N, C-alpha and C. Protein backbone atom coordinates (compact mmCIF):
# COMPACT_ATOMS: atom_id res chain seq x y z
N MET A 1 20.07 -3.90 -3.03
CA MET A 1 18.94 -3.25 -3.52
C MET A 1 19.20 -2.57 -4.91
N ASP A 2 20.58 -2.09 -4.67
CA ASP A 2 21.03 -1.12 -6.06
C ASP A 2 21.04 -1.88 -7.39
N SER A 3 21.50 -3.41 -7.24
CA SER A 3 21.61 -4.12 -8.12
C SER A 3 20.18 -4.57 -8.89
N VAL A 4 19.05 -4.83 -8.01
CA VAL A 4 17.71 -5.02 -8.30
C VAL A 4 17.38 -3.88 -9.27
N SER A 5 17.51 -2.79 -8.66
CA SER A 5 17.07 -1.69 -9.45
C SER A 5 17.61 -1.44 -10.77
N ASN A 6 18.91 -1.81 -10.77
CA ASN A 6 19.72 -1.60 -11.73
C ASN A 6 19.32 -2.69 -13.06
N ILE A 7 19.04 -3.86 -12.54
CA ILE A 7 18.56 -5.00 -13.67
C ILE A 7 16.97 -4.65 -14.15
N LEU A 8 16.38 -3.85 -13.14
CA LEU A 8 15.01 -3.77 -13.79
C LEU A 8 14.78 -2.59 -14.40
N GLY A 9 15.64 -1.65 -14.09
CA GLY A 9 15.96 -0.37 -15.01
C GLY A 9 15.54 0.80 -14.26
N ILE A 10 14.88 0.62 -13.05
CA ILE A 10 14.16 1.62 -12.26
C ILE A 10 15.33 2.64 -11.93
N ASP A 11 16.23 2.54 -12.08
CA ASP A 11 17.52 3.51 -11.78
C ASP A 11 17.53 4.53 -12.91
N LYS A 12 17.14 4.06 -13.91
CA LYS A 12 17.58 5.12 -15.01
C LYS A 12 16.01 5.83 -15.61
N VAL A 13 14.82 5.45 -14.63
CA VAL A 13 13.63 6.29 -15.01
C VAL A 13 13.16 7.19 -13.73
N ASN A 14 12.86 8.51 -14.23
CA ASN A 14 12.45 9.21 -13.27
C ASN A 14 11.17 8.97 -13.07
N MET A 15 10.66 8.24 -11.81
CA MET A 15 9.33 7.68 -10.91
C MET A 15 8.28 9.18 -10.43
N ASN A 16 9.07 10.14 -10.45
CA ASN A 16 8.41 11.35 -9.93
C ASN A 16 7.04 11.32 -10.61
N GLY A 17 5.97 11.25 -9.76
CA GLY A 17 4.68 11.66 -10.52
C GLY A 17 4.15 10.38 -11.13
N LYS A 18 4.76 9.12 -11.26
CA LYS A 18 4.18 7.99 -11.72
C LYS A 18 3.52 6.87 -10.78
N LEU A 19 2.87 6.41 -11.67
CA LEU A 19 2.20 5.21 -10.92
C LEU A 19 2.81 3.92 -11.21
N ILE A 20 2.82 3.26 -10.18
CA ILE A 20 3.56 1.93 -10.38
C ILE A 20 2.63 0.87 -9.91
N LEU A 21 1.96 -0.02 -10.81
CA LEU A 21 0.92 -1.33 -9.90
C LEU A 21 2.01 -2.43 -10.13
N ILE A 22 1.81 -3.07 -8.99
CA ILE A 22 2.54 -4.05 -8.47
C ILE A 22 1.20 -5.34 -8.07
N GLU A 23 1.10 -6.11 -8.81
CA GLU A 23 -0.15 -7.10 -8.63
C GLU A 23 0.62 -8.48 -8.42
N GLU A 24 0.12 -9.02 -7.39
CA GLU A 24 0.66 -10.34 -7.20
C GLU A 24 -0.71 -11.29 -7.60
N GLN A 25 -0.14 -12.28 -8.17
CA GLN A 25 -1.08 -13.32 -8.68
C GLN A 25 -1.16 -14.36 -7.81
N HIS A 26 -1.85 -15.35 -7.91
CA HIS A 26 -2.26 -16.42 -7.10
C HIS A 26 -0.72 -17.00 -7.04
N ASP A 27 -0.52 -17.46 -5.69
CA ASP A 27 0.90 -18.28 -5.24
C ASP A 27 1.86 -17.72 -5.84
N SER A 28 2.09 -16.10 -5.87
CA SER A 28 3.06 -15.55 -5.85
C SER A 28 3.20 -14.27 -5.29
N ASN A 29 4.55 -14.03 -4.81
CA ASN A 29 5.03 -13.01 -3.77
C ASN A 29 5.87 -11.86 -4.40
N ALA A 30 5.32 -10.75 -4.38
CA ALA A 30 5.89 -9.38 -5.02
C ALA A 30 6.91 -8.50 -4.17
N ASN A 31 7.05 -9.41 -2.81
CA ASN A 31 7.72 -8.49 -1.71
C ASN A 31 9.10 -8.11 -1.98
N PHE A 32 9.95 -8.90 -2.52
CA PHE A 32 11.17 -8.36 -3.01
C PHE A 32 11.08 -7.33 -4.16
N LEU A 33 10.32 -7.46 -4.93
CA LEU A 33 10.13 -6.58 -6.36
C LEU A 33 9.51 -5.03 -5.45
N LEU A 34 8.73 -5.21 -4.77
CA LEU A 34 7.83 -4.14 -4.11
C LEU A 34 8.89 -3.35 -3.27
N ASN A 35 9.74 -4.08 -2.52
CA ASN A 35 10.96 -3.38 -1.60
C ASN A 35 12.02 -2.80 -2.42
N SER A 36 12.18 -3.24 -3.88
CA SER A 36 13.16 -2.68 -4.53
C SER A 36 12.54 -1.50 -4.95
N VAL A 37 11.49 -1.37 -5.22
CA VAL A 37 10.78 0.10 -5.67
C VAL A 37 10.52 1.07 -4.75
N ILE A 38 10.15 0.68 -3.61
CA ILE A 38 10.13 1.36 -2.42
C ILE A 38 11.34 1.95 -2.10
N PHE A 39 12.75 1.05 -2.20
CA PHE A 39 13.95 1.34 -1.59
C PHE A 39 14.50 2.52 -2.64
N ASN A 40 14.17 2.38 -3.83
CA ASN A 40 14.79 3.40 -4.91
C ASN A 40 13.87 4.84 -4.78
N ALA A 41 12.92 4.62 -4.77
CA ALA A 41 11.97 5.86 -4.23
C ALA A 41 12.60 6.55 -3.10
N LEU A 42 12.82 6.17 -2.17
CA LEU A 42 13.10 6.53 -0.93
C LEU A 42 14.62 7.01 -1.20
N LYS A 43 15.34 6.29 -1.83
CA LYS A 43 16.74 6.95 -1.92
C LYS A 43 16.72 8.17 -3.06
N ASN A 44 15.69 8.17 -3.76
CA ASN A 44 15.61 9.61 -4.60
C ASN A 44 14.65 10.57 -4.01
N ASN A 45 14.28 10.25 -3.00
CA ASN A 45 13.61 11.34 -2.51
C ASN A 45 11.90 11.44 -2.75
N TYR A 46 11.52 10.36 -3.47
CA TYR A 46 10.25 10.44 -4.24
C TYR A 46 9.06 10.21 -2.98
N GLY A 47 7.82 10.85 -3.13
CA GLY A 47 6.84 10.74 -2.18
C GLY A 47 6.19 9.17 -2.56
N ILE A 48 5.55 8.45 -1.54
CA ILE A 48 4.98 7.09 -1.92
C ILE A 48 3.66 7.25 -1.44
N CYS A 49 2.82 6.79 -1.99
CA CYS A 49 1.43 6.38 -1.49
C CYS A 49 1.16 5.16 -2.02
N PHE A 50 1.07 4.38 -0.67
CA PHE A 50 0.52 2.83 -0.62
C PHE A 50 -0.73 3.06 -0.87
N VAL A 51 -1.17 2.07 -1.61
CA VAL A 51 -2.68 1.36 -1.69
C VAL A 51 -3.06 0.02 -1.37
N LEU A 52 -3.12 -0.13 -0.32
CA LEU A 52 -3.04 -1.76 0.07
C LEU A 52 -4.13 -2.62 0.01
N PHE A 53 -4.50 -3.47 -0.75
CA PHE A 53 -5.71 -4.49 -0.90
C PHE A 53 -5.37 -5.92 -0.10
N HIS A 54 -4.03 -6.45 0.10
CA HIS A 54 -3.85 -7.41 0.22
C HIS A 54 -3.25 -7.53 1.74
N ASN A 55 -1.89 -7.26 2.14
CA ASN A 55 -1.33 -7.16 3.21
C ASN A 55 -1.63 -5.89 3.94
N THR A 56 -1.18 -5.87 5.24
CA THR A 56 -1.33 -4.36 5.96
C THR A 56 -0.07 -3.84 5.74
N ILE A 57 -0.27 -2.52 6.43
CA ILE A 57 1.05 -1.73 6.18
C ILE A 57 2.01 -2.43 7.44
N ASN A 58 1.57 -3.18 8.28
CA ASN A 58 2.76 -3.66 9.26
C ASN A 58 3.18 -4.84 8.46
N HIS A 59 2.77 -5.79 7.83
CA HIS A 59 3.65 -6.27 6.85
C HIS A 59 4.73 -5.45 6.27
N TYR A 60 4.66 -4.43 5.48
CA TYR A 60 5.26 -3.88 4.61
C TYR A 60 5.98 -3.22 5.56
N HIS A 61 5.78 -2.69 6.87
CA HIS A 61 6.77 -2.14 7.75
C HIS A 61 7.71 -3.29 8.29
N ASN A 62 7.33 -4.40 8.52
CA ASN A 62 8.59 -5.27 8.77
C ASN A 62 9.45 -5.62 7.65
N MET A 63 8.75 -5.95 6.38
CA MET A 63 9.88 -6.35 5.20
C MET A 63 10.70 -4.73 5.11
N GLY A 64 10.14 -3.83 5.47
CA GLY A 64 10.84 -2.46 5.25
C GLY A 64 12.32 -2.52 6.06
N MET A 65 11.85 -3.34 7.49
CA MET A 65 12.65 -3.07 8.61
C MET A 65 14.10 -3.85 8.00
N LYS A 66 13.92 -5.27 7.48
CA LYS A 66 14.70 -6.16 6.79
C LYS A 66 15.60 -5.32 5.87
N PHE A 67 14.92 -4.30 5.28
CA PHE A 67 15.74 -3.77 4.03
C PHE A 67 16.44 -2.45 4.23
N GLY A 68 16.09 -1.92 5.45
CA GLY A 68 16.77 -0.69 6.25
C GLY A 68 15.57 0.45 6.30
N TYR A 69 14.60 0.30 5.80
CA TYR A 69 13.91 1.73 6.17
C TYR A 69 12.83 1.16 6.86
N ASN A 70 12.36 2.42 7.74
CA ASN A 70 11.16 2.14 8.72
C ASN A 70 9.68 3.19 8.38
N LEU A 71 9.07 2.10 7.76
CA LEU A 71 7.89 2.84 7.06
C LEU A 71 6.96 3.66 8.39
N THR A 72 6.94 3.22 9.45
CA THR A 72 6.16 4.07 10.55
C THR A 72 6.85 5.33 10.60
N LEU A 73 7.86 5.53 10.79
CA LEU A 73 8.83 6.63 10.93
C LEU A 73 8.59 7.62 9.64
N LEU A 74 8.51 6.95 8.34
CA LEU A 74 8.46 7.75 7.16
C LEU A 74 6.78 8.25 7.47
N LYS A 75 5.97 7.44 7.90
CA LYS A 75 4.63 7.88 7.78
C LYS A 75 4.38 9.09 8.91
N GLU A 76 5.24 9.02 10.06
CA GLU A 76 5.18 10.26 10.82
C GLU A 76 5.76 11.43 10.14
N LYS A 77 6.55 11.19 9.42
CA LYS A 77 7.38 12.40 8.80
C LYS A 77 6.73 12.74 7.69
N ASP A 78 5.40 12.27 7.54
CA ASP A 78 4.79 12.67 5.95
C ASP A 78 5.50 12.48 4.63
N LYS A 79 6.38 11.23 4.89
CA LYS A 79 7.06 10.78 3.61
C LYS A 79 6.14 9.90 3.04
N ILE A 80 5.37 9.36 3.37
CA ILE A 80 4.39 8.41 2.62
C ILE A 80 3.11 8.19 3.16
N THR A 81 2.16 7.93 2.34
CA THR A 81 0.71 7.91 2.49
C THR A 81 0.39 6.72 2.46
N ILE A 82 -0.66 6.28 3.41
CA ILE A 82 -1.14 4.81 3.34
C ILE A 82 -2.42 4.92 3.18
N ILE A 83 -3.18 4.38 2.26
CA ILE A 83 -4.54 4.02 2.08
C ILE A 83 -4.96 2.49 1.95
N GLU A 84 -5.62 2.25 2.87
CA GLU A 84 -6.17 0.75 3.21
C GLU A 84 -7.48 0.46 3.07
N PRO A 85 -8.00 0.40 1.59
CA PRO A 85 -9.47 0.24 1.33
C PRO A 85 -10.32 -0.44 2.05
N MET A 86 -9.73 -1.57 2.17
CA MET A 86 -10.48 -2.88 2.94
C MET A 86 -10.69 -2.58 4.53
N LYS A 87 -9.78 -2.08 4.96
CA LYS A 87 -10.05 -1.53 6.39
C LYS A 87 -11.43 -0.55 6.24
N MET A 88 -11.13 0.38 5.45
CA MET A 88 -12.51 1.28 5.24
C MET A 88 -13.75 0.57 5.14
N ILE A 89 -13.74 -0.37 4.03
CA ILE A 89 -15.04 -1.09 3.90
C ILE A 89 -15.45 -1.92 5.01
N ALA A 90 -14.50 -2.49 5.97
CA ALA A 90 -14.70 -3.18 7.00
C ALA A 90 -15.38 -2.50 7.91
N TYR A 91 -14.82 -1.19 8.05
CA TYR A 91 -15.37 -0.60 9.18
C TYR A 91 -16.90 0.02 8.69
N ASN A 92 -17.27 0.47 7.79
CA ASN A 92 -18.39 0.80 7.05
C ASN A 92 -19.40 -0.30 6.99
N MET A 93 -18.85 -1.60 6.85
CA MET A 93 -20.12 -2.58 6.92
C MET A 93 -20.39 -2.65 8.33
N LYS A 94 -19.63 -2.42 9.32
CA LYS A 94 -20.17 -2.69 10.78
C LYS A 94 -21.20 -1.64 11.02
N TYR A 95 -21.29 -0.33 10.33
CA TYR A 95 -22.59 0.57 10.28
C TYR A 95 -23.84 -0.21 9.64
N ILE A 96 -23.54 -0.91 8.43
CA ILE A 96 -24.19 -1.05 7.56
C ILE A 96 -25.51 -2.10 8.33
N TYR A 97 -24.75 -3.04 8.79
CA TYR A 97 -25.75 -4.04 9.46
C TYR A 97 -26.08 -3.89 10.86
N GLU A 98 -25.83 -2.71 11.45
CA GLU A 98 -26.11 -2.38 12.60
C GLU A 98 -27.65 -1.37 12.79
N PRO A 99 -28.67 -2.08 13.08
CA PRO A 99 -29.91 -1.06 13.05
C PRO A 99 -30.12 0.24 13.97
N THR A 100 -29.14 1.11 13.66
CA THR A 100 -29.45 2.35 14.39
C THR A 100 -29.80 3.34 13.60
N LYS A 101 -30.18 4.72 14.24
CA LYS A 101 -30.66 5.80 13.44
C LYS A 101 -29.29 6.52 12.76
N ASN A 102 -28.26 6.47 13.03
CA ASN A 102 -27.12 6.96 12.59
C ASN A 102 -26.62 6.00 11.62
N CYS A 103 -27.11 5.09 10.80
CA CYS A 103 -26.66 3.90 10.08
C CYS A 103 -25.91 4.57 8.79
N ILE A 104 -24.89 4.36 8.54
CA ILE A 104 -23.93 4.85 7.49
C ILE A 104 -24.07 3.92 6.38
N ILE A 105 -24.59 4.10 4.99
CA ILE A 105 -24.57 3.24 3.99
C ILE A 105 -23.59 3.82 2.79
N ASN A 106 -22.64 2.97 2.65
CA ASN A 106 -21.77 3.63 1.32
C ASN A 106 -22.39 3.26 0.05
N ASP A 107 -22.68 4.32 -0.65
CA ASP A 107 -23.30 4.00 -1.86
C ASP A 107 -22.76 3.45 -3.05
N VAL A 108 -21.47 3.29 -3.06
CA VAL A 108 -20.60 2.76 -3.78
C VAL A 108 -20.82 1.20 -3.59
N PHE A 109 -21.23 0.46 -2.67
CA PHE A 109 -21.39 -0.88 -2.47
C PHE A 109 -22.68 -1.00 -2.43
N ILE A 110 -23.35 -1.94 -3.00
CA ILE A 110 -24.75 -2.54 -2.91
C ILE A 110 -24.62 -4.09 -2.13
N ILE A 111 -25.35 -4.21 -1.07
CA ILE A 111 -25.67 -5.46 -0.64
C ILE A 111 -26.79 -6.21 -0.91
N ILE A 112 -26.67 -7.43 -1.50
CA ILE A 112 -28.00 -7.89 -2.07
C ILE A 112 -28.31 -9.12 -0.84
N LYS A 113 -29.36 -9.12 -0.25
CA LYS A 113 -29.71 -10.27 0.77
C LYS A 113 -30.88 -11.31 0.11
N LYS A 114 -30.66 -12.35 0.55
CA LYS A 114 -31.56 -13.28 -0.01
C LYS A 114 -33.04 -13.38 0.56
C-alpha cells in the first residue's frame, strides 16, 4: 500500500482536514484506490468520515480486512465516522408511505405521484 501512496503522492500531502472525493463511474471500481487512501490516513492517525452512497460499510470492512485494518473495530474506537444517506432515505421512505398519525415526511425530498 505504501508504494501506491508514493505513486499517487498521497504520502507527501497533509490530508488532515481535507475532503477527498473518490467517484466510481459506470463499469469502474475504485476499491484499490480508496483502500490506499484509507490505509495512508490510518497510518498517519487521521480521522476518517465515510459518506457511502454505493456500497455498504460491510463491503468496505471486508475490503479493509484484506488490507490489514478492521473498520468495525475502528468505528467502536471512534476512529472513523460512517454516514449512509441511502439507508436514512430508505428508513424515512417507510414512514412516508405508511398512513399513520406519526408520519414523518422529509422536506428535502418531494415525491410526486401520478
